[in-house]
Amino acid sequence: MVAPVLEVVGGHTLSGHLPVSGAKNSALVLLTASILCSDQCRLSNVPSLVDVARMGQVLEAFGIKVKRPEPNCWELDGSAIAHAHAPYEIVSKLRASFFAIGPLLARLGTARVPLPGGCAIGARPVELHVRGLKSLGADVHIDGGMVNASVPGGRLKGAKIYLDYPSVGATETLMMAATLADGETIIENAAQEPEVVDLANLCRAMGARIKGHGTNTIVIDGMEKLHGAEYATIPDRIEAGTFLVAGAITRSDLVVGPVVPDHMTAVIAKLREVGCRIVPEGDNHLRIQAGDRLLPTDIETLPFPGFPTDMQPQLMALLTLAEGSSIITETVFENRLRHVGELSRMGADIRVKGSAAIVSGVPFLSGAPVTATDLRASAALILAGLTARGTTIVQELKHLDRGYENIEQKLRGVGAKIRRITDPNELSADMSSADRLVQTTTEEVKAGDRPPVSIN
């Protein structure tokens, strides 16, 4: 059976409203937080994604009753939770499921969770999680790829924890664990991302005592138990940023929302530097109007409120068309420049040295067969395809489907020529036989004729 691909016919101006779904990275951890209480939680604005469905499977394996009365609404009943062993076959595909170790320890006093998987964009070690849980009084051992944890006495103890790096995952894991710990926990050098704040707000809705979320010091006063709550996931700032770039790269006038503008300050600033006009449209929407020229700019990825690593590939796609040279420095994930080779297939002029990419703008990109290397690279290649001359075929959609809800339908709704294809014979007639990527195996593409990329 042929794996599906996306066919993107470039050169079409977009117009209209691009709807933004609930935040994937927030929804995953909000679902995990349902482990903390024995009552029912109702979460709305949950995106329908492969990763979210996998998280539901993990929760069901623990004994949580999961219902979906509406497509983007989840009801979770943790009253019968009894199992503390996360299934390897799911955790190995979904890194966020590892975060269950914190609430499992807090609720049951034991947890057995495999080391996580996910996109191959860097090491993303779990040492910060483990070290923090030990500070809270847990015994933690890693054996054969399995993290085994238990709490002597059955209840975690509040502690002062300093994170060597403001890891979002570690902050979320430890904050959830501390909500049911005995005493006060202080997390210093905590992550300040909106997703951390969203989790804290859900926990507070369940009765947790948390303050300082959104700053680098979070204080949690542990409770005996938490109760159920109803809560809505925040809009996805990365999807919103991706759609703003779609407006910029196609020189279009688009409205994107709902959004929380304060979550997107760095991305908005860079798009304005590139030459775009971005203005509020109502209470929670943004309008982007592309300028006549795209100007170069330099980007360095940093923890929030800095420029997000999850927007780096998309901005790189945009900067391939800027009038001048830009430097993009990736400081968060060491393997997050693998999309350079694929953009180069489309005519981009990019040189890589270490963790930096020098992007020299070209007059136009050309459609080509390309392979997505991770979730955000998938979006970058689609964006490049929207503006390229000719047709682009994007392969390896398993990454895209993990993080963007109905992206083809949303883009078609504003005028993009994009469709998902499973039959090679359905490809557009203007694609030459050499360009029919669906007839080429992934292995051949990876070993084939790619522009040389120097990664030192």
Protein backbone atom coordinates (compact mmCIF):
# COMPACT_ATOMS: atom_id res chain seq x y z
CA MET A 1 0.00 0.00 0.00
CA VAL A 2 1.34 3.43 -0.97
CA ALA A 3 1.80 5.89 1.89
CA PRO A 4 -0.24 9.08 1.45
CA VAL A 5 1.46 12.27 0.27
CA LEU A 6 0.43 15.90 0.01
CA GLU A 7 0.32 17.58 -3.36
CA VAL A 8 0.77 21.35 -3.11
CA VAL A 9 0.38 23.50 -6.22
CA GLY A 10 2.11 26.80 -5.55
CA GLY A 11 1.58 30.35 -6.69
CA HIS A 12 -1.94 31.00 -5.35
CA THR A 13 -2.79 34.01 -3.19
CA LEU A 14 -4.75 33.17 -0.06
CA SER A 15 -7.66 35.08 1.42
CA GLY A 16 -10.02 34.66 4.34
CA HIS A 17 -9.94 33.24 7.86
CA LEU A 18 -7.69 30.39 9.04
CA PRO A 19 -9.15 28.80 12.20
CA VAL A 20 -6.73 27.81 14.97
CA SER A 21 -7.30 24.62 16.98
CA GLY A 22 -6.52 23.96 20.62
CA ALA A 23 -2.86 23.71 21.51
CA LYS A 24 -1.48 20.23 20.93
CA ASN A 25 1.37 20.58 23.43
CA SER A 26 -1.04 21.87 26.04
CA ALA A 27 -3.83 19.35 25.44
CA LEU A 28 -1.48 16.40 25.87
CA VAL A 29 -0.40 17.43 29.35
CA LEU A 30 -3.90 18.56 30.35
CA LEU A 31 -5.14 15.06 29.58
CA THR A 32 -2.32 13.66 31.68
CA ALA A 33 -3.32 15.88 34.59
CA SER A 34 -6.64 14.03 34.79
CA ILE A 35 -4.70 11.30 36.61
CA LEU A 36 -4.44 13.60 39.60
CA CYS A 37 -8.11 13.54 40.58
CA SER A 38 -10.62 10.77 41.28
CA ASP A 39 -13.54 12.80 39.90
CA GLN A 40 -14.56 13.59 36.34
CA CYS A 41 -12.73 16.20 34.28
CA ARG A 42 -14.18 17.71 31.11
CA LEU A 43 -11.71 19.23 28.66
CA SER A 44 -12.84 21.22 25.64
CA ASN A 45 -11.01 22.65 22.61
CA VAL A 46 -8.91 19.48 22.44
CA PRO A 47 -7.51 19.03 18.90
CA SER A 48 -8.23 15.78 17.04
CA LEU A 49 -4.71 14.54 16.41
CA VAL A 50 -2.83 11.25 16.29
CA ASP A 51 -0.80 12.18 19.38
CA VAL A 52 -3.92 13.11 21.34
CA ALA A 53 -5.58 9.80 20.46
CA ARG A 54 -2.46 7.97 21.65
CA MET A 55 -2.59 9.84 24.94
CA GLY A 56 -6.16 8.66 25.35
CA GLN A 57 -4.95 5.08 24.90
CA VAL A 58 -2.30 5.59 27.59
CA LEU A 59 -4.88 6.94 30.04
CA GLU A 60 -7.22 4.03 29.36
CA ALA A 61 -4.36 1.65 30.08
CA PHE A 62 -4.13 3.21 33.56
CA GLY A 63 -7.84 2.58 34.14
CA ILE A 64 -9.19 6.05 33.35
CA LYS A 65 -12.57 6.02 31.65
CA VAL A 66 -12.42 8.15 28.52
CA LYS A 67 -15.43 9.49 26.61
CA ARG A 68 -15.62 11.90 23.69
CA PRO A 69 -19.16 13.30 23.58
CA GLU A 70 -18.05 15.78 20.91
CA PRO A 71 -15.08 15.74 18.49
CA ASN A 72 -13.04 18.27 20.49
CA CYS A 73 -14.38 17.47 23.96
CA TRP A 74 -13.04 14.80 26.33
CA GLU A 75 -14.58 13.51 29.54
CA LEU A 76 -12.15 11.68 31.82
CA ASP A 77 -13.13 9.72 34.92
CA GLY A 78 -10.16 8.76 37.10
CA SER A 79 -12.12 7.16 39.94
CA ALA A 80 -11.11 3.63 38.92
CA ILE A 81 -7.44 4.24 38.13
CA ALA A 82 -5.40 1.29 39.33
CA HIS A 83 -2.56 0.63 36.90
CA ALA A 84 0.74 2.49 37.05
CA HIS A 85 2.47 0.79 34.12
CA ALA A 86 2.46 2.74 30.85
CA PRO A 87 2.44 0.55 27.70
CA TYR A 88 5.75 0.67 25.83
CA GLU A 89 4.21 0.43 22.35
CA ILE A 90 2.43 3.77 22.87
CA VAL A 91 4.97 5.65 24.99
CA SER A 92 7.70 4.84 22.45
CA LYS A 93 5.72 6.85 19.87
CA LEU A 94 4.58 9.69 22.12
CA ARG A 95 7.08 11.52 24.26
CA ALA A 96 4.43 13.44 26.20
CA SER A 97 3.09 10.21 27.70
CA PHE A 98 6.24 10.05 29.84
CA PHE A 99 4.90 13.04 31.79
CA ALA A 100 2.38 10.67 33.39
CA ILE A 101 5.12 9.56 35.77
CA GLY A 102 4.59 12.65 37.96
CA PRO A 103 0.83 12.39 38.53
CA LEU A 104 1.06 8.58 38.82
CA LEU A 105 3.56 8.88 41.65
CA ALA A 106 1.50 11.57 43.33
CA ARG A 107 -1.76 9.62 43.06
CA LEU A 108 -0.69 5.97 43.43
CA GLY A 109 2.78 6.19 44.94
CA THR A 110 4.28 4.11 42.14
CA ALA A 111 4.92 4.35 38.39
CA ARG A 112 6.58 2.27 35.70
CA VAL A 113 7.04 4.22 32.49
CA PRO A 114 9.26 3.46 29.45
CA LEU A 115 11.73 6.06 28.30
CA PRO A 116 9.97 8.28 25.75
CA GLY A 117 10.04 8.51 21.97
CA GLY A 118 8.69 11.15 19.56
CA CYS A 119 10.28 13.26 16.81
CA ALA A 120 13.99 12.61 16.28
CA ILE A 121 15.06 16.24 16.69
CA GLY A 122 17.41 15.87 19.62
CA ALA A 123 18.28 14.08 22.82
CA ARG A 124 15.67 15.68 25.09
CA PRO A 125 16.87 13.73 28.15
CA VAL A 126 14.67 12.98 31.15
CA GLU A 127 17.35 13.57 33.78
CA LEU A 128 15.65 16.75 34.98
CA HIS A 129 12.40 14.86 35.54
CA VAL A 130 14.15 12.07 37.44
CA ARG A 131 16.29 14.39 39.55
CA GLY A 132 13.26 16.48 40.51
CA LEU A 133 11.18 13.45 41.46
CA LYS A 134 14.02 12.23 43.65
CA SER A 135 14.03 15.63 45.35
CA LEU A 136 10.35 15.07 46.12
CA GLY A 137 11.24 11.82 47.89
CA ALA A 138 10.75 9.24 45.14
CA ASP A 139 13.02 6.26 44.55
CA VAL A 140 13.73 6.21 40.81
CA HIS A 141 15.70 3.60 38.87
CA ILE A 142 16.21 3.21 35.13
CA ASP A 143 16.62 -0.37 34.00
CA GLY A 144 16.40 -1.73 30.45
CA GLY A 145 14.77 1.40 29.08
CA MET A 146 12.15 1.43 31.83
CA VAL A 147 11.85 4.09 34.54
CA ASN A 148 10.69 2.47 37.78
CA ALA A 149 9.62 4.86 40.53
CA SER A 150 8.05 4.48 43.94
CA VAL A 151 7.38 6.64 46.98
CA PRO A 152 8.42 5.27 50.40
CA GLY A 153 5.55 5.99 52.75
CA GLY A 154 3.18 6.51 49.82
CA ARG A 155 3.27 10.32 49.58
CA LEU A 156 5.74 12.70 48.01
CA LYS A 157 7.30 15.43 50.14
CA GLY A 158 7.52 19.09 49.16
CA ALA A 159 11.00 20.30 48.24
CA LYS A 160 12.97 23.12 46.69
CA ILE A 161 13.98 22.19 43.16
CA TYR A 162 16.30 24.04 40.79
CA LEU A 163 16.17 23.07 37.12
CA ASP A 164 19.50 23.32 35.30
CA TYR A 165 17.49 24.17 32.17
CA PRO A 166 13.94 25.60 32.02
CA SER A 167 12.52 22.41 30.54
CA VAL A 168 8.80 22.54 29.78
CA GLY A 169 8.35 18.81 30.28
CA ALA A 170 10.25 18.69 33.57
CA THR A 171 8.42 21.75 34.89
CA GLU A 172 5.06 20.18 34.03
CA THR A 173 5.96 16.76 35.47
CA LEU A 174 7.20 18.18 38.76
CA MET A 175 4.37 20.69 39.11
CA MET A 176 1.78 17.92 38.71
CA ALA A 177 3.61 15.69 41.19
CA ALA A 178 3.86 18.52 43.73
CA THR A 179 0.11 19.26 43.72
CA LEU A 180 -0.46 16.16 45.89
CA ALA A 181 2.83 16.26 47.82
CA ASP A 182 3.05 16.88 51.54
CA GLY A 183 4.14 20.49 52.05
CA GLU A 184 5.45 23.26 49.84
CA THR A 185 7.40 22.78 46.63
CA ILE A 186 9.36 25.56 44.94
CA ILE A 187 10.52 25.06 41.34
CA GLU A 188 13.21 27.56 40.38
CA ASN A 189 14.34 28.26 36.82
CA ALA A 190 10.96 26.89 35.77
CA ALA A 191 9.72 27.04 32.18
CA GLN A 192 7.47 30.03 31.48
CA GLU A 193 5.75 28.73 28.33
CA PRO A 194 1.99 29.33 27.92
CA GLU A 195 1.45 25.57 28.03
CA VAL A 196 2.90 25.48 31.57
CA VAL A 197 0.53 28.27 32.58
CA ASP A 198 -2.38 26.39 30.99
CA LEU A 199 -1.55 23.28 33.03
CA ALA A 200 -1.26 25.32 36.22
CA ASN A 201 -4.65 26.90 35.56
CA LEU A 202 -6.27 23.49 35.06
CA CYS A 203 -4.70 22.21 38.29
CA ARG A 204 -5.95 25.33 40.09
CA ALA A 205 -9.42 24.66 38.68
CA MET A 206 -9.14 21.19 40.27
CA GLY A 207 -8.30 22.78 43.61
CA ALA A 208 -4.49 22.87 43.52
CA ARG A 209 -2.66 25.73 45.23
CA ILE A 210 -0.18 27.06 42.69
CA LYS A 211 1.29 30.52 42.26
CA GLY A 212 4.06 32.01 40.17
CA HIS A 213 3.16 30.10 36.98
CA GLY A 214 4.32 32.15 34.03
CA THR A 215 7.43 33.25 35.95
CA ASN A 216 10.68 31.39 36.58
CA THR A 217 9.66 30.48 40.13
CA ILE A 218 6.58 28.34 40.73
CA VAL A 219 5.33 27.63 44.25
CA ILE A 220 3.00 24.69 44.92
CA ASP A 221 1.36 23.99 48.27
CA GLY A 222 0.41 20.31 48.19
CA MET A 223 -3.16 19.14 48.79
CA GLU A 224 -4.62 15.87 50.08
CA LYS A 225 -6.70 15.45 46.92
CA LEU A 226 -7.99 17.33 43.89
CA HIS A 227 -11.50 17.47 42.46
CA GLY A 228 -12.91 17.43 38.95
CA ALA A 229 -13.16 20.49 36.73
CA GLU A 230 -14.22 21.80 33.33
CA TYR A 231 -11.53 23.52 31.33
CA ALA A 232 -10.82 24.75 27.80
CA THR A 233 -7.42 24.32 26.13
CA ILE A 234 -5.66 27.48 24.96
CA PRO A 235 -5.30 28.13 21.19
CA ASP A 236 -2.25 26.60 19.54
CA ARG A 237 0.34 29.38 19.21
CA ILE A 238 2.50 27.28 16.88
CA GLU A 239 -0.36 26.53 14.49
CA ALA A 240 -1.29 30.22 14.59
CA GLY A 241 2.31 31.18 13.84
CA THR A 242 2.42 28.69 10.97
CA PHE A 243 -0.70 30.25 9.47
CA LEU A 244 0.70 33.76 9.83
CA VAL A 245 3.76 32.61 7.88
CA ALA A 246 1.40 31.17 5.24
CA GLY A 247 0.07 34.68 4.75
CA ALA A 248 3.55 36.16 4.59
CA ILE A 249 5.07 33.61 2.21
CA THR A 250 2.17 33.82 -0.27
CA ARG A 251 1.95 37.65 -0.01
CA SER A 252 -1.62 37.34 1.17
CA ASP A 253 -4.11 39.08 3.46
CA LEU A 254 -5.29 36.55 6.08
CA VAL A 255 -7.09 36.57 9.41
CA VAL A 256 -5.83 33.96 11.90
CA GLY A 257 -7.51 32.99 15.15
CA PRO A 258 -8.47 32.49 17.83
CA VAL A 259 -5.09 33.39 19.30
CA VAL A 260 -3.62 34.82 22.48
CA PRO A 261 -1.34 37.58 21.08
CA ASP A 262 0.81 37.64 24.23
CA HIS A 263 1.77 34.02 23.49
CA MET A 264 3.15 35.05 20.10
CA THR A 265 5.14 38.21 20.81
CA ALA A 266 8.45 36.90 19.43
CA VAL A 267 6.93 35.47 16.25
CA ILE A 268 4.92 38.63 15.57
CA ALA A 269 8.04 40.77 16.10
CA LYS A 270 10.04 38.73 13.57
CA LEU A 271 7.27 38.81 10.97
CA ARG A 272 7.12 42.57 11.32
CA GLU A 273 10.89 42.76 10.87
CA VAL A 274 10.50 40.76 7.67
CA GLY A 275 8.10 43.42 6.37
CA CYS A 276 4.62 42.18 7.27
CA ARG A 277 1.85 44.21 8.83
CA ILE A 278 0.11 42.43 11.71
CA VAL A 279 -2.82 44.04 13.47
CA PRO A 280 -5.49 42.85 15.94
CA GLU A 281 -8.78 41.77 14.39
CA GLY A 282 -11.40 41.71 17.12
CA ASP A 283 -10.59 40.38 20.57
CA ASN A 284 -8.65 37.24 19.70
CA HIS A 285 -7.70 37.28 16.02
CA LEU A 286 -4.75 38.67 14.09
CA ARG A 287 -4.67 40.00 10.54
CA ILE A 288 -1.48 39.64 8.51
CA GLN A 289 -0.90 41.71 5.40
CA ALA A 290 2.29 40.86 3.56
CA GLY A 291 4.49 43.65 2.28
CA ASP A 292 5.82 44.01 -1.26
CA ARG A 293 9.27 42.83 -0.13
CA LEU A 294 10.51 40.23 2.31
CA LEU A 295 13.43 41.52 4.35
CA PRO A 296 16.10 39.37 6.03
CA THR A 297 16.33 38.97 9.80
CA ASP A 298 18.32 36.91 12.29
CA ILE A 299 16.67 34.39 14.62
CA GLU A 300 17.89 32.53 17.69
CA THR A 301 15.60 29.95 19.25
CA LEU A 302 15.19 30.26 23.01
CA PRO A 303 12.81 29.18 25.77
CA PHE A 304 9.69 31.36 26.14
CA PRO A 305 9.39 34.32 25.88
CA GLY A 306 12.14 33.93 23.29
CA PHE A 307 11.60 32.75 19.74
CA PRO A 308 10.14 29.21 19.81
CA THR A 309 12.10 26.34 18.33
CA ASP A 310 8.79 24.98 17.01
CA MET A 311 8.58 27.97 14.64
CA GLN A 312 12.16 27.85 13.39
CA PRO A 313 11.56 25.64 10.30
CA GLN A 314 8.57 27.75 9.19
CA LEU A 315 10.51 31.02 9.44
CA MET A 316 13.40 29.43 7.59
CA ALA A 317 11.05 28.62 4.71
CA LEU A 318 9.95 32.27 4.65
CA LEU A 319 13.48 33.65 4.82
CA THR A 320 14.56 31.64 1.77
CA LEU A 321 12.74 34.35 -0.22
CA ALA A 322 14.02 37.41 1.67
CA GLU A 323 16.12 40.02 -0.13
CA GLY A 324 19.39 39.34 1.64
CA SER A 325 20.95 36.91 4.08
CA SER A 326 19.57 35.77 7.43
CA ILE A 327 21.18 33.73 10.18
CA ILE A 328 19.10 31.21 12.11
CA THR A 329 20.67 29.75 15.25
CA GLU A 330 19.06 26.69 16.83
CA THR A 331 19.91 26.46 20.54
CA VAL A 332 17.18 24.09 21.79
CA PHE A 333 17.39 20.88 19.72
CA GLU A 334 20.64 19.80 18.07
CA ASN A 335 19.01 17.94 15.17
CA ARG A 336 16.48 20.55 14.16
CA LEU A 337 18.09 21.63 10.91
CA ARG A 338 17.41 18.48 8.93
CA HIS A 339 14.81 20.25 6.81
CA VAL A 340 17.60 22.31 5.23
CA GLY A 341 18.30 19.60 2.66
CA GLU A 342 14.63 19.41 1.69
CA LEU A 343 14.28 23.18 1.26
CA SER A 344 17.46 23.07 -0.82
CA ARG A 345 15.73 20.61 -3.14
CA MET A 346 13.28 23.39 -3.86
CA GLY A 347 16.01 25.87 -4.76
CA ALA A 348 16.74 27.44 -1.38
CA ASP A 349 20.28 28.71 -0.74
CA ILE A 350 21.14 27.58 2.79
CA ARG A 351 24.50 26.79 4.36
CA VAL A 352 24.76 25.06 7.72
CA LYS A 353 27.61 25.41 10.15
CA GLY A 354 27.18 23.77 13.51
CA SER A 355 23.89 24.93 15.01
CA ALA A 356 23.52 27.89 12.64
CA ALA A 357 22.01 28.16 9.18
CA ILE A 358 22.88 31.01 6.82
CA VAL A 359 19.89 31.61 4.56
CA SER A 360 20.53 33.65 1.43
CA GLY A 361 17.31 34.70 -0.22
CA VAL A 362 16.49 33.54 -3.74
CA PRO A 363 13.95 35.04 -6.18
CA PHE A 364 11.67 32.00 -6.08
CA LEU A 365 11.37 28.37 -5.00
CA SER A 366 10.49 25.51 -7.33
CA GLY A 367 8.16 22.62 -6.64
CA ALA A 368 9.91 19.33 -5.93
CA PRO A 369 9.47 15.99 -4.20
CA VAL A 370 10.45 16.40 -0.54
CA THR A 371 10.38 14.32 2.62
CA ALA A 372 9.25 15.65 6.01
CA THR A 373 11.82 14.92 8.71
CA ASP A 374 9.73 15.93 11.74
CA LEU A 375 6.47 17.64 12.67
CA ARG A 376 7.44 21.29 12.18
CA ALA A 377 9.55 20.50 9.11
CA SER A 378 6.34 19.13 7.58
CA ALA A 379 4.71 22.53 8.00
CA ALA A 380 7.77 24.32 6.61
CA LEU A 381 7.69 22.22 3.42
CA ILE A 382 3.98 22.88 2.95
CA LEU A 383 4.59 26.61 3.34
CA ALA A 384 7.40 26.47 0.80
CA GLY A 385 5.13 24.53 -1.54
CA LEU A 386 2.40 27.18 -1.29
CA THR A 387 4.69 29.77 -2.86
CA ALA A 388 6.84 27.57 -5.11
CA ARG A 389 6.55 27.53 -8.87
CA GLY A 390 4.99 24.26 -9.88
CA THR A 391 3.95 21.32 -7.74
CA THR A 392 5.48 20.07 -4.51
CA ILE A 393 4.93 16.56 -3.17
CA VAL A 394 5.42 16.16 0.60
CA GLN A 395 6.05 12.64 1.86
CA GLU A 396 6.10 11.17 5.41
CA LEU A 397 2.83 12.68 6.60
CA LYS A 398 2.94 10.68 9.81
CA HIS A 399 4.75 13.65 11.35
CA LEU A 400 2.22 16.22 10.11
CA ASP A 401 -0.75 14.26 11.41
CA ARG A 402 0.72 14.30 14.91
CA GLY A 403 0.41 18.05 15.29
CA TYR A 404 -1.88 19.83 12.79
CA GLU A 405 -5.63 19.26 12.81
CA ASN A 406 -7.20 19.25 9.33
CA ILE A 407 -4.46 21.45 7.89
CA GLU A 408 -5.27 20.62 4.27
CA GLN A 409 -8.94 21.51 4.71
CA LYS A 410 -8.10 24.73 6.51
CA LEU A 411 -5.68 25.85 3.81
CA ARG A 412 -8.07 24.90 1.01
CA GLY A 413 -10.66 27.05 2.74
CA VAL A 414 -8.55 30.16 2.06
CA GLY A 415 -7.66 29.27 -1.52
CA ALA A 416 -4.64 26.95 -1.33
CA LYS A 417 -4.32 24.17 -3.90
CA ILE A 418 -3.45 21.26 -1.65
CA ARG A 419 -4.72 17.71 -1.41
CA ARG A 420 -3.83 14.36 0.12
CA ILE A 421 -3.15 11.56 -2.37
CA THR A 422 -2.87 7.80 -1.87
CA ASP A 423 -2.93 6.78 -5.55
CA PRO A 424 0.15 7.75 -7.64
CA ASN A 425 -2.07 8.02 -10.71
CA GLU A 426 -3.90 10.95 -9.11
CA LEU A 427 -0.87 13.22 -9.22
CA SER A 428 -1.22 16.32 -11.36
CA ALA A 429 -0.39 15.87 -15.03
CA ASP A 430 2.40 18.47 -14.88
CA MET A 431 4.45 16.27 -12.53
CA SER A 432 7.09 14.48 -14.57
CA SER A 433 7.72 10.79 -13.97
CA ALA A 434 10.98 11.66 -12.24
CA ASP A 435 9.07 13.76 -9.77
CA ARG A 436 6.56 11.10 -8.76
CA LEU A 437 7.80 10.71 -5.25
CA VAL A 438 5.15 8.21 -4.33
CA GLN A 439 6.91 5.71 -6.60
CA THR A 440 10.15 6.18 -4.69
CA THR A 441 10.79 4.47 -1.38
CA THR A 442 11.71 6.50 1.66
CA GLU A 443 15.11 4.79 1.73
CA GLU A 444 15.85 5.81 -1.86
CA VAL A 445 14.87 9.39 -1.14
CA LYS A 446 17.11 9.52 1.93
CA ALA A 447 20.06 8.10 -0.01
CA GLY A 448 19.36 9.90 -3.27
CA ASP A 449 20.48 13.04 -5.03
CA ARG A 450 20.20 15.74 -2.39
CA PRO A 451 22.15 18.98 -2.36
CA PRO A 452 25.12 18.61 -0.02
CA VAL A 453 24.54 19.97 3.46
CA SER A 454 27.44 20.55 5.82
CA ILE A 455 26.57 19.87 9.44
CA ASN A 456 29.66 20.23 11.62
